[in-house]
Amino acid sequence: MNSPMLLNATFFFVFALLANRLPSTRALNVMDIDGNPLKSGLAYYILRVNTGSGGGATLGTGQIGNVTCSIEVVQSAESSSTGLPV
């Protein structure tokens, strides 16, 4: 085998060995707090890890300077609120 063919064969062999270790484009599951994959049709809520400083995610309006923002996702001020399901 001449040198270029040996180099090509070596490259192909190394690539074939490492190909299954390359990052994949397949989708990863989104998990709930218990580590189970989310299921369509069920209600899930976004809550803070720390309790006592606001509730879950809900819709509201905000203000930046003199500009009032349209509806956006905000944290509920009520600690007992679970917010809206996503």
Protein backbone atom coordinates (compact mmCIF):
# COMPACT_ATOMS: atom_id res chain seq x y z
CA MET A 1 0.00 0.00 0.00
CA ASN A 2 1.39 3.37 -0.87
CA SER A 3 1.47 6.22 1.63
CA PRO A 4 -1.66 8.18 0.52
CA MET A 5 -3.79 5.03 0.47
CA LEU A 6 -2.53 4.04 3.93
CA LEU A 7 -3.30 7.54 5.22
CA ASN A 8 -6.81 7.44 3.74
CA ALA A 9 -7.47 3.95 5.13
CA THR A 10 -6.22 5.01 8.57
CA PHE A 11 -8.39 8.14 8.52
CA PHE A 12 -11.46 6.15 7.48
CA PHE A 13 -10.83 3.54 10.21
CA VAL A 14 -10.41 6.19 12.93
CA PHE A 15 -13.49 8.09 11.69
CA ALA A 16 -15.56 4.89 11.69
CA LEU A 17 -14.53 4.16 15.28
CA LEU A 18 -15.33 7.68 16.50
CA ALA A 19 -18.48 8.31 14.45
CA ASN A 20 -20.81 6.87 17.07
CA ARG A 21 -19.28 9.17 19.70
CA LEU A 22 -20.05 12.39 17.82
CA PRO A 23 -22.90 14.60 19.07
CA SER A 24 -26.26 13.48 17.80
CA THR A 25 -29.02 15.59 16.30
CA ARG A 26 -31.75 13.42 17.78
CA ALA A 27 -34.14 15.14 20.16
CA LEU A 28 -33.74 14.68 23.89
CA ASN A 29 -36.75 14.22 26.14
CA VAL A 30 -37.80 17.02 28.45
CA MET A 31 -38.15 15.59 31.95
CA ASP A 32 -40.43 16.50 34.85
CA ILE A 33 -39.19 17.00 38.41
CA ASP A 34 -39.30 13.23 39.00
CA GLY A 35 -37.17 12.48 35.93
CA ASN A 36 -40.06 11.18 33.79
CA PRO A 37 -40.50 12.36 30.18
CA LEU A 38 -43.26 14.95 29.71
CA LYS A 39 -46.46 13.61 28.16
CA SER A 40 -48.67 15.56 25.79
CA GLY A 41 -52.12 16.49 27.03
CA LEU A 42 -51.09 16.86 30.69
CA ALA A 43 -50.77 20.15 32.60
CA TYR A 44 -47.26 21.12 33.74
CA TYR A 45 -46.38 24.19 35.80
CA ILE A 46 -43.17 26.21 36.08
CA LEU A 47 -42.46 26.79 39.77
CA ARG A 48 -39.53 28.19 41.71
CA VAL A 49 -37.30 25.77 43.58
CA ASN A 50 -37.32 28.09 46.62
CA THR A 51 -40.74 28.63 48.13
CA GLY A 52 -41.92 31.84 49.77
CA SER A 53 -40.69 34.29 47.17
CA GLY A 54 -43.36 34.28 44.50
CA GLY A 55 -45.41 31.70 42.70
CA GLY A 56 -45.45 30.07 39.30
CA ALA A 57 -45.26 31.46 35.79
CA THR A 58 -48.27 33.40 34.54
CA LEU A 59 -49.12 36.12 32.01
CA GLY A 60 -48.85 39.79 32.86
CA THR A 61 -47.61 43.15 31.63
CA GLY A 62 -44.34 44.79 32.43
CA GLN A 63 -42.82 48.22 32.15
CA ILE A 64 -39.36 49.25 31.03
CA GLY A 65 -38.85 52.94 31.66
CA ASN A 66 -41.88 54.75 30.24
CA VAL A 67 -42.82 51.90 27.91
CA THR A 68 -45.47 49.36 28.94
CA CYS A 69 -44.76 45.94 27.46
CA SER A 70 -47.48 43.80 25.98
CA ILE A 71 -48.43 40.51 27.59
CA GLU A 72 -45.39 38.53 28.70
CA VAL A 73 -44.54 35.60 30.94
CA VAL A 74 -43.96 36.79 34.52
CA GLN A 75 -43.72 35.26 37.97
CA SER A 76 -46.86 35.48 40.10
CA ALA A 77 -46.46 37.63 43.20
CA GLU A 78 -48.53 35.17 45.26
CA SER A 79 -46.42 32.33 46.71
CA SER A 80 -49.48 30.07 46.80
CA SER A 81 -50.17 30.50 43.05
CA THR A 82 -49.12 27.65 40.76
CA GLY A 83 -49.47 29.93 37.74
CA LEU A 84 -50.71 28.76 34.38
CA PRO A 85 -50.01 25.33 32.88
CA VAL A 86 -47.57 25.20 29.97
